Every structure is written in structure tokens, then in C-alpha cells.
Amino acid sequence: MDQPWTPRPKPEQADRLERRIEFADYQETRDFLERLNSLSEAQNRFADLSFGRTYVNITVRPTDDGATIGDDDHRFAAAIDALLQA
């Protein structure tokens, strides 16, 4: 089951947004990762990823070290969400 974006403010680490997305099979996972790659290159913004055959864990961090999550970060997360509709 897909999880919504979860804010993770932590004193010892930079703020971040996290989300886990699950897919029915490897091909769906791969297709999503290819769309995410295109989005990331177009926006010159790259999330931290970990993934397996049927899931992707995504972490969006602010572009400035030590910054808190802001509107740009939420817009990038929303753009990632829109990829699920494609």
C-alpha cells in the first residue's frame, strides 16, 4: 500500500519528506523510476531512493543543507506524486 508523504524533522538530521510507493510488479516499478529520472533531470533535483522489485522508498531533502522543508520541497513531492497518474 502506498504511504503518503511523511515529514521527518529530526534535530540530529536535516528535515526531509519520505514516502514508500508499492507497485504490482517489476515493470511498473521500472516505468515509474524512468519517469522519475526524467522529472529529476528536467528540474535538476534528485531525491534519495531505495527500491526493490515492487517498491520505491523516496526521500526529499531541502536543497540547502540544514534548511527546513519548504514550498519548493512540497512542490517537488507533488510532481513525484503526479508521476503515479501517468
PDB file of N, CA and C in Angstrom:
ATOM      1  N   MET A   1       0.839  -1.181   0.000  1.00  0.00           N
ATOM      2  CA  MET A   1       0.000   0.000   0.000  1.00  0.00           C
ATOM      3  C   MET A   1       0.881   1.240   0.000  1.00  0.00           C
ATOM      4  N   ASP A   2       0.517   2.210  -0.816  1.00  0.00           N
ATOM      5  CA  ASP A   2       1.250   3.462  -0.864  1.00  0.00           C
ATOM      6  C   ASP A   2       1.056   4.241   0.420  1.00  0.00           C
ATOM      7  N   GLN A   3       2.110   4.879   0.836  1.00  0.00           N
ATOM      8  CA  GLN A   3       2.067   5.724   2.024  1.00  0.00           C
ATOM      9  C   GLN A   3       2.096   7.182   1.575  1.00  0.00           C
ATOM     10  N   PRO A   4       1.425   8.076   2.299  1.00  0.00           N
ATOM     11  CA  PRO A   4       1.533   9.498   1.972  1.00  0.00           C
ATOM     12  C   PRO A   4       2.917  10.006   2.366  1.00  0.00           C
ATOM     13  N   TRP A   5       3.236  11.211   1.947  1.00  0.00           N
ATOM     14  CA  TRP A   5       4.498  11.825   2.340  1.00  0.00           C
ATOM     15  C   TRP A   5       4.486  12.067   3.837  1.00  0.00           C
ATOM     16  N   THR A   6       5.567  11.705   4.482  1.00  0.00           N
ATOM     17  CA  THR A   6       5.696  11.868   5.924  1.00  0.00           C
ATOM     18  C   THR A   6       6.840  12.833   6.202  1.00  0.00           C
ATOM     19  N   PRO A   7       6.563  13.958   6.867  1.00  0.00           N
ATOM     20  CA  PRO A   7       7.664  14.847   7.242  1.00  0.00           C
ATOM     21  C   PRO A   7       8.480  14.211   8.354  1.00  0.00           C
ATOM     22  N   ARG A   8       9.771  14.348   8.288  1.00  0.00           N
ATOM     23  CA  ARG A   8      10.663  13.767   9.286  1.00  0.00           C
ATOM     24  C   ARG A   8      11.630  14.829   9.809  1.00  0.00           C
ATOM     25  N   PRO A   9      11.139  15.742  10.643  1.00  0.00           N
ATOM     26  CA  PRO A   9      12.084  16.685  11.242  1.00  0.00           C
ATOM     27  C   PRO A   9      12.835  15.999  12.380  1.00  0.00           C
ATOM     28  N   LYS A  10      14.129  16.092  12.358  1.00  0.00           N
ATOM     29  CA  LYS A  10      14.933  15.475  13.410  1.00  0.00           C
ATOM     30  C   LYS A  10      16.064  16.422  13.783  1.00  0.00           C
ATOM     31  N   PRO A  11      16.291  16.594  15.060  1.00  0.00           N
ATOM     32  CA  PRO A  11      17.356  17.515  15.475  1.00  0.00           C
ATOM     33  C   PRO A  11      18.733  17.116  14.966  1.00  0.00           C
ATOM     34  N   GLU A  12      19.010  15.824  14.903  1.00  0.00           N
ATOM     35  CA  GLU A  12      20.341  15.378  14.514  1.00  0.00           C
ATOM     36  C   GLU A  12      20.503  15.231  12.999  1.00  0.00           C
ATOM     37  N   GLN A  13      19.414  15.407  12.239  1.00  0.00           N
ATOM     38  CA  GLN A  13      19.468  15.267  10.786  1.00  0.00           C
ATOM     39  C   GLN A  13      18.673  16.391  10.136  1.00  0.00           C
ATOM     40  N   ALA A  14      18.918  16.599   8.864  1.00  0.00           N
ATOM     41  CA  ALA A  14      18.153  17.602   8.124  1.00  0.00           C
ATOM     42  C   ALA A  14      16.700  17.148   7.985  1.00  0.00           C
ATOM     43  N   ASP A  15      15.800  18.122   7.920  1.00  0.00           N
ATOM     44  CA  ASP A  15      14.395  17.811   7.665  1.00  0.00           C
ATOM     45  C   ASP A  15      14.275  17.106   6.316  1.00  0.00           C
ATOM     46  N   ARG A  16      13.228  16.297   6.187  1.00  0.00           N
ATOM     47  CA  ARG A  16      13.013  15.595   4.941  1.00  0.00           C
ATOM     48  C   ARG A  16      11.565  15.126   4.849  1.00  0.00           C
ATOM     49  N   LEU A  17      11.156  14.781   3.648  1.00  0.00           N
ATOM     50  CA  LEU A  17       9.869  14.147   3.387  1.00  0.00           C
ATOM     51  C   LEU A  17      10.170  12.743   2.896  1.00  0.00           C
ATOM     52  N   GLU A  18       9.404  11.777   3.377  1.00  0.00           N
ATOM     53  CA  GLU A  18       9.609  10.391   2.961  1.00  0.00           C
ATOM     54  C   GLU A  18       8.303   9.786   2.477  1.00  0.00           C
ATOM     55  N   ARG A  19       8.434   8.872   1.530  1.00  0.00           N
ATOM     56  CA  ARG A  19       7.262   8.159   1.030  1.00  0.00           C
ATOM     57  C   ARG A  19       7.688   6.802   0.493  1.00  0.00           C
ATOM     58  N   ARG A  20       6.844   5.818   0.715  1.00  0.00           N
ATOM     59  CA  ARG A  20       7.036   4.480   0.130  1.00  0.00           C
ATOM     60  C   ARG A  20       5.896   4.259  -0.856  1.00  0.00           C
ATOM     61  N   ILE A  21       6.271   3.808  -2.050  1.00  0.00           N
ATOM     62  CA  ILE A  21       5.286   3.516  -3.093  1.00  0.00           C
ATOM     63  C   ILE A  21       5.466   2.062  -3.491  1.00  0.00           C
ATOM     64  N   GLU A  22       4.377   1.335  -3.501  1.00  0.00           N
ATOM     65  CA  GLU A  22       4.420  -0.073  -3.887  1.00  0.00           C
ATOM     66  C   GLU A  22       3.761  -0.269  -5.242  1.00  0.00           C
ATOM     67  N   PHE A  23       4.306  -1.201  -6.008  1.00  0.00           N
ATOM     68  CA  PHE A  23       3.830  -1.480  -7.361  1.00  0.00           C
ATOM     69  C   PHE A  23       3.470  -2.953  -7.495  1.00  0.00           C
ATOM     70  N   ALA A  24       2.693  -3.248  -8.509  1.00  0.00           N
ATOM     71  CA  ALA A  24       2.232  -4.625  -8.715  1.00  0.00           C
ATOM     72  C   ALA A  24       3.347  -5.555  -9.176  1.00  0.00           C
ATOM     73  N   ASP A  25       4.292  -5.012  -9.957  1.00  0.00           N
ATOM     74  CA  ASP A  25       5.361  -5.857 -10.486  1.00  0.00           C
ATOM     75  C   ASP A  25       6.583  -5.019 -10.834  1.00  0.00           C
ATOM     76  N   TYR A  26       7.626  -5.704 -11.242  1.00  0.00           N
ATOM     77  CA  TYR A  26       8.893  -5.045 -11.564  1.00  0.00           C
ATOM     78  C   TYR A  26       8.741  -4.029 -12.693  1.00  0.00           C
ATOM     79  N   GLN A  27       7.979  -4.356 -13.707  1.00  0.00           N
ATOM     80  CA  GLN A  27       7.828  -3.448 -14.850  1.00  0.00           C
ATOM     81  C   GLN A  27       7.209  -2.119 -14.419  1.00  0.00           C
ATOM     82  N   GLU A  28       6.212  -2.148 -13.557  1.00  0.00           N
ATOM     83  CA  GLU A  28       5.613  -0.897 -13.059  1.00  0.00           C
ATOM     84  C   GLU A  28       6.632  -0.089 -12.266  1.00  0.00           C
ATOM     85  N   THR A  29       7.427  -0.779 -11.463  1.00  0.00           N
ATOM     86  CA  THR A  29       8.471  -0.100 -10.685  1.00  0.00           C
ATOM     87  C   THR A  29       9.462   0.568 -11.626  1.00  0.00           C
ATOM     88  N   ARG A  30       9.913  -0.173 -12.612  1.00  0.00           N
ATOM     89  CA  ARG A  30      10.887   0.363 -13.568  1.00  0.00           C
ATOM     90  C   ARG A  30      10.319   1.544 -14.341  1.00  0.00           C
ATOM     91  N   ASP A  31       9.080   1.438 -14.796  1.00  0.00           N
ATOM     92  CA  ASP A  31       8.446   2.542 -15.531  1.00  0.00           C
ATOM     93  C   ASP A  31       8.390   3.812 -14.667  1.00  0.00           C
ATOM     94  N   PHE A  32       8.008   3.650 -13.406  1.00  0.00           N
ATOM     95  CA  PHE A  32       7.963   4.798 -12.501  1.00  0.00           C
ATOM     96  C   PHE A  32       9.356   5.405 -12.333  1.00  0.00           C
ATOM     97  N   LEU A  33      10.363   4.561 -12.125  1.00  0.00           N
ATOM     98  CA  LEU A  33      11.729   5.068 -11.943  1.00  0.00           C
ATOM     99  C   LEU A  33      12.218   5.812 -13.184  1.00  0.00           C
ATOM    100  N   GLU A  34      11.841   5.381 -14.351  1.00  0.00           N
ATOM    101  CA  GLU A  34      12.223   6.084 -15.579  1.00  0.00           C
ATOM    102  C   GLU A  34      11.537   7.442 -15.660  1.00  0.00           C
ATOM    103  N   ARG A  35      10.257   7.507 -15.281  1.00  0.00           N
ATOM    104  CA  ARG A  35       9.558   8.804 -15.260  1.00  0.00           C
ATOM    105  C   ARG A  35      10.178   9.723 -14.208  1.00  0.00           C
ATOM    106  N   LEU A  36      10.521   9.164 -13.060  1.00  0.00           N
ATOM    107  CA  LEU A  36      11.151   9.949 -12.004  1.00  0.00           C
ATOM    108  C   LEU A  36      12.510  10.481 -12.464  1.00  0.00           C
ATOM    109  N   ASN A  37      13.263   9.677 -13.180  1.00  0.00           N
ATOM    110  CA  ASN A  37      14.541  10.127 -13.717  1.00  0.00           C
ATOM    111  C   ASN A  37      14.347  11.323 -14.651  1.00  0.00           C
ATOM    112  N   SER A  38      13.370  11.244 -15.534  1.00  0.00           N
ATOM    113  CA  SER A  38      13.105  12.345 -16.459  1.00  0.00           C
ATOM    114  C   SER A  38      12.721  13.615 -15.717  1.00  0.00           C
ATOM    115  N   LEU A  39      11.855  13.481 -14.721  1.00  0.00           N
ATOM    116  CA  LEU A  39      11.454  14.636 -13.899  1.00  0.00           C
ATOM    117  C   LEU A  39      12.661  15.226 -13.193  1.00  0.00           C
ATOM    118  N   SER A  40      13.467  14.385 -12.591  1.00  0.00           N
ATOM    119  CA  SER A  40      14.633  14.852 -11.841  1.00  0.00           C
ATOM    120  C   SER A  40      15.615  15.594 -12.746  1.00  0.00           C
ATOM    121  N   GLU A  41      15.863  15.056 -13.914  1.00  0.00           N
ATOM    122  CA  GLU A  41      16.774  15.728 -14.840  1.00  0.00           C
ATOM    123  C   GLU A  41      16.193  17.058 -15.312  1.00  0.00           C
ATOM    124  N   ALA A  42      14.887  17.097 -15.590  1.00  0.00           N
ATOM    125  CA  ALA A  42      14.245  18.334 -16.048  1.00  0.00           C
ATOM    126  C   ALA A  42      14.292  19.420 -14.970  1.00  0.00           C
ATOM    127  N   GLN A  43      14.132  19.031 -13.718  1.00  0.00           N
ATOM    128  CA  GLN A  43      14.123  20.004 -12.621  1.00  0.00           C
ATOM    129  C   GLN A  43      15.496  20.159 -11.966  1.00  0.00           C
ATOM    130  N   ASN A  44      16.453  19.345 -12.387  1.00  0.00           N
ATOM    131  CA  ASN A  44      17.785  19.327 -11.775  1.00  0.00           C
ATOM    132  C   ASN A  44      17.678  19.179 -10.259  1.00  0.00           C
ATOM    133  N   ARG A  45      16.827  18.260  -9.875  1.00  0.00           N
ATOM    134  CA  ARG A  45      16.578  17.983  -8.456  1.00  0.00           C
ATOM    135  C   ARG A  45      16.459  16.478  -8.296  1.00  0.00           C
ATOM    136  N   PHE A  46      17.163  15.932  -7.335  1.00  0.00           N
ATOM    137  CA  PHE A  46      17.235  14.480  -7.219  1.00  0.00           C
ATOM    138  C   PHE A  46      16.923  14.044  -5.797  1.00  0.00           C
ATOM    139  N   ALA A  47      15.974  13.134  -5.669  1.00  0.00           N
ATOM    140  CA  ALA A  47      15.604  12.580  -4.373  1.00  0.00           C
ATOM    141  C   ALA A  47      16.526  11.410  -4.053  1.00  0.00           C
ATOM    142  N   ASP A  48      16.606  11.067  -2.781  1.00  0.00           N
ATOM    143  CA  ASP A  48      17.295   9.839  -2.377  1.00  0.00           C
ATOM    144  C   ASP A  48      16.324   8.687  -2.583  1.00  0.00           C
ATOM    145  N   LEU A  49      16.817   7.604  -3.154  1.00  0.00           N
ATOM    146  CA  LEU A  49      15.961   6.460  -3.468  1.00  0.00           C
ATOM    147  C   LEU A  49      16.545   5.171  -2.915  1.00  0.00           C
ATOM    148  N   SER A  50      15.650   4.298  -2.517  1.00  0.00           N
ATOM    149  CA  SER A  50      15.984   2.889  -2.339  1.00  0.00           C
ATOM    150  C   SER A  50      14.803   2.137  -2.934  1.00  0.00           C
ATOM    151  N   PHE A  51      15.096   1.029  -3.576  1.00  0.00           N
ATOM    152  CA  PHE A  51      13.995   0.326  -4.238  1.00  0.00           C
ATOM    153  C   PHE A  51      14.297  -1.152  -4.354  1.00  0.00           C
ATOM    154  N   GLY A  52      13.229  -1.866  -4.541  1.00  0.00           N
ATOM    155  CA  GLY A  52      13.291  -3.294  -4.785  1.00  0.00           C
ATOM    156  C   GLY A  52      12.409  -3.612  -5.967  1.00  0.00           C
ATOM    157  N   ARG A  53      12.108  -4.851  -6.133  1.00  0.00           N
ATOM    158  CA  ARG A  53      11.331  -5.292  -7.296  1.00  0.00           C
ATOM    159  C   ARG A  53       9.972  -4.620  -7.397  1.00  0.00           C
ATOM    160  N   THR A  54       9.297  -4.432  -6.267  1.00  0.00           N
ATOM    161  CA  THR A  54       7.929  -3.897  -6.317  1.00  0.00           C
ATOM    162  C   THR A  54       7.708  -2.695  -5.393  1.00  0.00           C
ATOM    163  N   TYR A  55       8.771  -1.966  -5.050  1.00  0.00           N
ATOM    164  CA  TYR A  55       8.579  -0.783  -4.210  1.00  0.00           C
ATOM    165  C   TYR A  55       9.692   0.232  -4.447  1.00  0.00           C
ATOM    166  N   VAL A  56       9.377   1.479  -4.095  1.00  0.00           N
ATOM    167  CA  VAL A  56      10.361   2.552  -4.119  1.00  0.00           C
ATOM    168  C   VAL A  56      10.181   3.360  -2.845  1.00  0.00           C
ATOM    169  N   ASN A  57      11.266   3.588  -2.120  1.00  0.00           N
ATOM    170  CA  ASN A  57      11.280   4.498  -0.983  1.00  0.00           C
ATOM    171  C   ASN A  57      11.952   5.779  -1.456  1.00  0.00           C
ATOM    172  N   ILE A  58      11.291   6.907  -1.225  1.00  0.00           N
ATOM    173  CA  ILE A  58      11.781   8.191  -1.709  1.00  0.00           C
ATOM    174  C   ILE A  58      11.970   9.130  -0.526  1.00  0.00           C
ATOM    175  N   THR A  59      13.097   9.828  -0.510  1.00  0.00           N
ATOM    176  CA  THR A  59      13.358  10.863   0.487  1.00  0.00           C
ATOM    177  C   THR A  59      13.673  12.158  -0.244  1.00  0.00           C
ATOM    178  N   VAL A  60      12.888  13.182   0.052  1.00  0.00           N
ATOM    179  CA  VAL A  60      13.115  14.520  -0.498  1.00  0.00           C
ATOM    180  C   VAL A  60      13.688  15.376   0.616  1.00  0.00           C
ATOM    181  N   ARG A  61      14.848  15.942   0.345  1.00  0.00           N
ATOM    182  CA  ARG A  61      15.511  16.819   1.313  1.00  0.00           C
ATOM    183  C   ARG A  61      15.545  18.240   0.746  1.00  0.00           C
ATOM    184  N   PRO A  62      15.584  19.250   1.609  1.00  0.00           N
ATOM    185  CA  PRO A  62      15.744  20.626   1.110  1.00  0.00           C
ATOM    186  C   PRO A  62      17.050  20.743   0.324  1.00  0.00           C
ATOM    187  N   THR A  63      17.069  21.640  -0.643  1.00  0.00           N
ATOM    188  CA  THR A  63      18.268  21.795  -1.457  1.00  0.00           C
ATOM    189  C   THR A  63      19.414  22.452  -0.690  1.00  0.00           C
ATOM    190  N   ASP A  64      19.095  23.232   0.322  1.00  0.00           N
ATOM    191  CA  ASP A  64      20.129  23.869   1.142  1.00  0.00           C
ATOM    192  C   ASP A  64      20.369  23.048   2.400  1.00  0.00           C
ATOM    193  N   ASP A  65      21.625  22.742   2.681  1.00  0.00           N
ATOM    194  CA  ASP A  65      21.966  21.979   3.874  1.00  0.00           C
ATOM    195  C   ASP A  65      21.450  22.675   5.127  1.00  0.00           C
ATOM    196  N   GLY A  66      20.834  21.913   6.008  1.00  0.00           N
ATOM    197  CA  GLY A  66      20.354  22.441   7.271  1.00  0.00           C
ATOM    198  C   GLY A  66      19.047  23.200   7.194  1.00  0.00           C
ATOM    199  N   ALA A  67      18.488  23.344   6.004  1.00  0.00           N
ATOM    200  CA  ALA A  67      17.223  24.071   5.842  1.00  0.00           C
ATOM    201  C   ALA A  67      16.050  23.196   6.270  1.00  0.00           C
ATOM    202  N   THR A  68      14.928  23.836   6.523  1.00  0.00           N
ATOM    203  CA  THR A  68      13.709  23.095   6.824  1.00  0.00           C
ATOM    204  C   THR A  68      12.939  22.873   5.518  1.00  0.00           C
ATOM    205  N   ILE A  69      12.022  21.922   5.546  1.00  0.00           N
ATOM    206  CA  ILE A  69      11.189  21.632   4.377  1.00  0.00           C
ATOM    207  C   ILE A  69      10.371  22.876   4.044  1.00  0.00           C
ATOM    208  N   GLY A  70      10.365  23.234   2.760  1.00  0.00           N
ATOM    209  CA  GLY A  70       9.639  24.422   2.319  1.00  0.00           C
ATOM    210  C   GLY A  70       8.726  24.127   1.145  1.00  0.00           C
ATOM    211  N   ASP A  71       8.190  25.200   0.574  1.00  0.00           N
ATOM    212  CA  ASP A  71       7.248  25.067  -0.535  1.00  0.00           C
ATOM    213  C   ASP A  71       7.869  24.363  -1.742  1.00  0.00           C
ATOM    214  N   ASP A  72       9.137  24.662  -2.054  1.00  0.00           N
ATOM    215  CA  ASP A  72       9.791  24.009  -3.193  1.00  0.00           C
ATOM    216  C   ASP A  72       9.851  22.496  -2.999  1.00  0.00           C
ATOM    217  N   ASP A  73      10.097  22.082  -1.768  1.00  0.00           N
ATOM    218  CA  ASP A  73      10.182  20.646  -1.478  1.00  0.00           C
ATOM    219  C   ASP A  73       8.816  19.985  -1.630  1.00  0.00           C
ATOM    220  N   HIS A  74       7.777  20.661  -1.162  1.00  0.00           N
ATOM    221  CA  HIS A  74       6.422  20.112  -1.308  1.00  0.00           C
ATOM    222  C   HIS A  74       5.997  20.081  -2.777  1.00  0.00           C
ATOM    223  N   ARG A  75       6.409  21.083  -3.553  1.00  0.00           N
ATOM    224  CA  ARG A  75       6.084  21.071  -4.990  1.00  0.00           C
ATOM    225  C   ARG A  75       6.791  19.915  -5.694  1.00  0.00           C
ATOM    226  N   PHE A  76       8.043  19.664  -5.335  1.00  0.00           N
ATOM    227  CA  PHE A  76       8.766  18.540  -5.937  1.00  0.00           C
ATOM    228  C   PHE A  76       8.090  17.215  -5.563  1.00  0.00           C
ATOM    229  N   ALA A  77       7.689  17.078  -4.310  1.00  0.00           N
ATOM    230  CA  ALA A  77       6.977  15.867  -3.877  1.00  0.00           C
ATOM    231  C   ALA A  77       5.661  15.716  -4.643  1.00  0.00           C
ATOM    232  N   ALA A  78       4.948  16.822  -4.856  1.00  0.00           N
ATOM    233  CA  ALA A  78       3.692  16.770  -5.612  1.00  0.00           C
ATOM    234  C   ALA A  78       3.941  16.375  -7.064  1.00  0.00           C
ATOM    235  N   ALA A  79       5.046  16.845  -7.632  1.00  0.00           N
ATOM    236  CA  ALA A  79       5.391  16.463  -9.009  1.00  0.00           C
ATOM    237  C   ALA A  79       5.699  14.962  -9.084  1.00  0.00           C
ATOM    238  N   ILE A  80       6.326  14.434  -8.050  1.00  0.00           N
ATOM    239  CA  ILE A  80       6.570  12.992  -7.992  1.00  0.00           C
ATOM    240  C   ILE A  80       5.234  12.247  -7.909  1.00  0.00           C
ATOM    241  N   ASP A  81       4.339  12.741  -7.070  1.00  0.00           N
ATOM    242  CA  ASP A  81       3.014  12.123  -6.964  1.00  0.00           C
ATOM    243  C   ASP A  81       2.303  12.093  -8.315  1.00  0.00           C
ATOM    244  N   ALA A  82       2.445  13.171  -9.075  1.00  0.00           N
ATOM    245  CA  ALA A  82       1.775  13.249 -10.389  1.00  0.00           C
ATOM    246  C   ALA A  82       2.285  12.163 -11.337  1.00  0.00           C
ATOM    247  N   LEU A  83       3.500  11.704 -11.136  1.00  0.00           N
ATOM    248  CA  LEU A  83       4.042  10.632 -11.976  1.00  0.00           C
ATOM    249  C   LEU A  83       3.250   9.330 -11.823  1.00  0.00           C
ATOM    250  N   LEU A  84       2.598   9.188 -10.694  1.00  0.00           N
ATOM    251  CA  LEU A  84       1.816   7.960 -10.459  1.00  0.00           C
ATOM    252  C   LEU A  84       0.557   7.940 -11.312  1.00  0.00           C
ATOM    253  N   GLN A  85       0.134   9.110 -11.782  1.00  0.00           N
ATOM    254  CA  GLN A  85      -1.060   9.202 -12.615  1.00  0.00           C
ATOM    255  C   GLN A  85      -0.749   8.970 -14.088  1.00  0.00           C
ATOM    256  N   ALA A  86       0.562   9.020 -14.420  1.00  0.00           N
ATOM    257  CA  ALA A  86       0.976   8.900 -15.826  1.00  0.00           C
ATOM    258  C   ALA A  86       0.885   7.468 -16.321  1.00  0.00           C
TER     259      ALA A  86
END
